[in-house]
Amino acid sequence: EVQLQASGGGEVQPGGSLRLSCAASGFAFSDYTMSWFRQAPGEKPEWVSSIGRAGGAGIYADSVKGRFTTSRDNAKNTLYLQMDSLKPDDTAVYYCTRQSDFGSRGQGTLVTVFS
């Protein structure tokens, strides 16, 4: 069974940082590009970033480019999202997914950026 569990969310003031993790199991993690999505209350899901199977530089939505960094540790079957210079508009539930398939998401983690 494919399982993706995001963690590391919380409440932070604007300008702050958080590091999200996503623990993957039930599939060959290193065989898949992985992505982050987010969904704000009442909004459609928004793609945030993706990273290739071997890691390296990720690709990012314009809304987070230069502030967020995605990485992965294939030995630990874990995906990461380092979020810096957070803004209130970053408030959302964050999910990790296999490739860019939002339907593959598991449990998300809530990030709240407030003044």
Protein backbone atom coordinates (compact mmCIF):
# COMPACT_ATOMS: atom_id res chain seq x y z
CA GLU A 1 0.00 0.00 0.00
CA VAL A 2 1.35 3.39 -1.00
CA GLN A 3 1.64 5.74 1.97
CA LEU A 4 2.74 9.35 1.99
CA GLN A 5 2.71 11.19 5.30
CA ALA A 6 3.67 14.82 5.52
CA SER A 7 4.75 16.40 8.80
CA GLY A 8 6.48 19.49 10.17
CA GLY A 9 3.74 22.05 9.73
CA GLY A 10 2.81 24.59 12.36
CA GLU A 11 2.21 28.23 13.06
CA VAL A 12 4.82 30.81 12.18
CA GLN A 13 5.03 34.57 11.81
CA PRO A 14 5.69 36.21 8.42
CA GLY A 15 9.35 35.96 7.52
CA GLY A 16 9.76 32.76 9.47
CA SER A 17 10.82 29.30 8.31
CA LEU A 18 9.55 25.75 8.48
CA ARG A 19 10.89 22.45 7.18
CA LEU A 20 8.35 19.89 6.04
CA SER A 21 9.07 16.19 5.70
CA CYS A 22 7.21 13.48 3.83
CA ALA A 23 7.75 9.85 4.74
CA ALA A 24 7.07 7.48 1.86
CA SER A 25 6.42 3.74 1.97
CA GLY A 26 4.87 0.96 -0.08
CA PHE A 27 6.66 1.76 -3.33
CA ALA A 28 10.16 2.21 -4.75
CA PHE A 29 10.67 5.82 -3.70
CA SER A 30 13.84 6.35 -5.73
CA ASP A 31 12.02 5.38 -8.94
CA TYR A 32 9.66 8.37 -8.80
CA THR A 33 9.78 12.09 -9.29
CA MET A 34 8.12 13.58 -6.21
CA SER A 35 6.12 16.76 -5.78
CA TRP A 36 4.64 19.09 -3.20
CA PHE A 37 1.17 20.58 -3.51
CA ARG A 38 -0.74 22.86 -1.20
CA GLN A 39 -4.40 23.66 -0.75
CA ALA A 40 -5.68 26.72 1.04
CA PRO A 41 -9.18 26.69 2.57
CA GLY A 42 -11.81 26.98 -0.14
CA GLU A 43 -9.21 26.96 -2.92
CA LYS A 44 -8.12 24.49 -5.58
CA PRO A 45 -4.89 22.58 -5.05
CA GLU A 46 -1.76 24.41 -6.17
CA TRP A 47 1.40 22.68 -7.37
CA VAL A 48 4.40 23.95 -5.40
CA SER A 49 7.50 22.04 -6.52
CA SER A 50 8.87 18.82 -7.98
CA ILE A 51 12.19 17.03 -7.76
CA GLY A 52 13.68 14.32 -9.95
CA ARG A 53 14.39 10.75 -8.94
CA ALA A 54 18.02 11.37 -8.08
CA GLY A 55 17.42 14.69 -6.37
CA GLY A 56 19.32 17.79 -7.39
CA ALA A 57 17.71 21.07 -8.32
CA GLY A 58 13.96 21.13 -8.10
CA ILE A 59 11.46 23.15 -10.08
CA TYR A 60 9.12 25.62 -8.39
CA ALA A 61 5.95 27.58 -8.83
CA ASP A 62 6.60 31.28 -9.33
CA SER A 63 4.80 31.99 -6.05
CA VAL A 64 7.49 30.19 -4.03
CA LYS A 65 10.58 30.43 -6.23
CA GLY A 66 13.59 31.72 -4.31
CA ARG A 67 11.94 31.04 -0.94
CA PHE A 68 11.28 27.28 -0.93
CA THR A 69 13.75 24.45 -1.53
CA THR A 70 12.85 20.84 -2.07
CA SER A 71 15.20 17.92 -1.48
CA ARG A 72 15.06 14.20 -0.93
CA ASP A 73 16.94 11.42 0.83
CA ASN A 74 16.39 8.20 -1.09
CA ALA A 75 18.12 6.14 1.60
CA LYS A 76 15.46 7.31 4.07
CA ASN A 77 12.53 7.36 1.60
CA THR A 78 11.89 10.94 2.64
CA LEU A 79 11.05 14.14 0.78
CA TYR A 80 11.66 17.58 2.27
CA LEU A 81 10.47 21.13 1.72
CA GLN A 82 12.44 23.95 3.32
CA MET A 83 10.25 27.04 3.44
CA ASP A 84 11.85 30.40 4.18
CA SER A 85 10.56 33.98 4.16
CA LEU A 86 7.05 32.69 4.72
CA LYS A 87 4.08 34.91 3.87
CA PRO A 88 0.43 34.78 4.97
CA ASP A 89 -0.45 33.60 1.43
CA ASP A 90 1.58 30.43 2.12
CA THR A 91 -1.05 29.33 4.64
CA ALA A 92 -2.39 25.96 3.43
CA VAL A 93 -2.36 22.24 3.97
CA TYR A 94 0.75 20.87 2.28
CA TYR A 95 0.83 17.44 0.65
CA CYS A 96 3.50 15.35 -1.01
CA THR A 97 2.65 13.27 -4.06
CA ARG A 98 4.19 10.77 -6.42
CA GLN A 99 5.10 12.52 -9.67
CA SER A 100 2.53 15.31 -10.12
CA ASP A 101 -0.50 13.23 -9.26
CA PHE A 102 -2.49 15.07 -6.59
CA GLY A 103 -4.67 11.99 -6.26
CA SER A 104 -1.73 10.08 -4.80
CA ARG A 105 -1.44 12.38 -1.79
CA GLY A 106 -1.61 11.06 1.70
CA GLN A 107 -1.98 12.91 4.95
CA GLY A 108 -1.09 16.58 4.70
CA THR A 109 0.35 18.99 7.20
CA LEU A 110 -1.09 22.42 8.02
CA VAL A 111 1.07 25.52 7.72
CA THR A 112 -0.33 28.74 9.15
CA VAL A 113 1.48 32.04 8.65
CA PHE A 114 -0.03 34.82 10.72
CA SER A 115 0.86 38.27 11.90
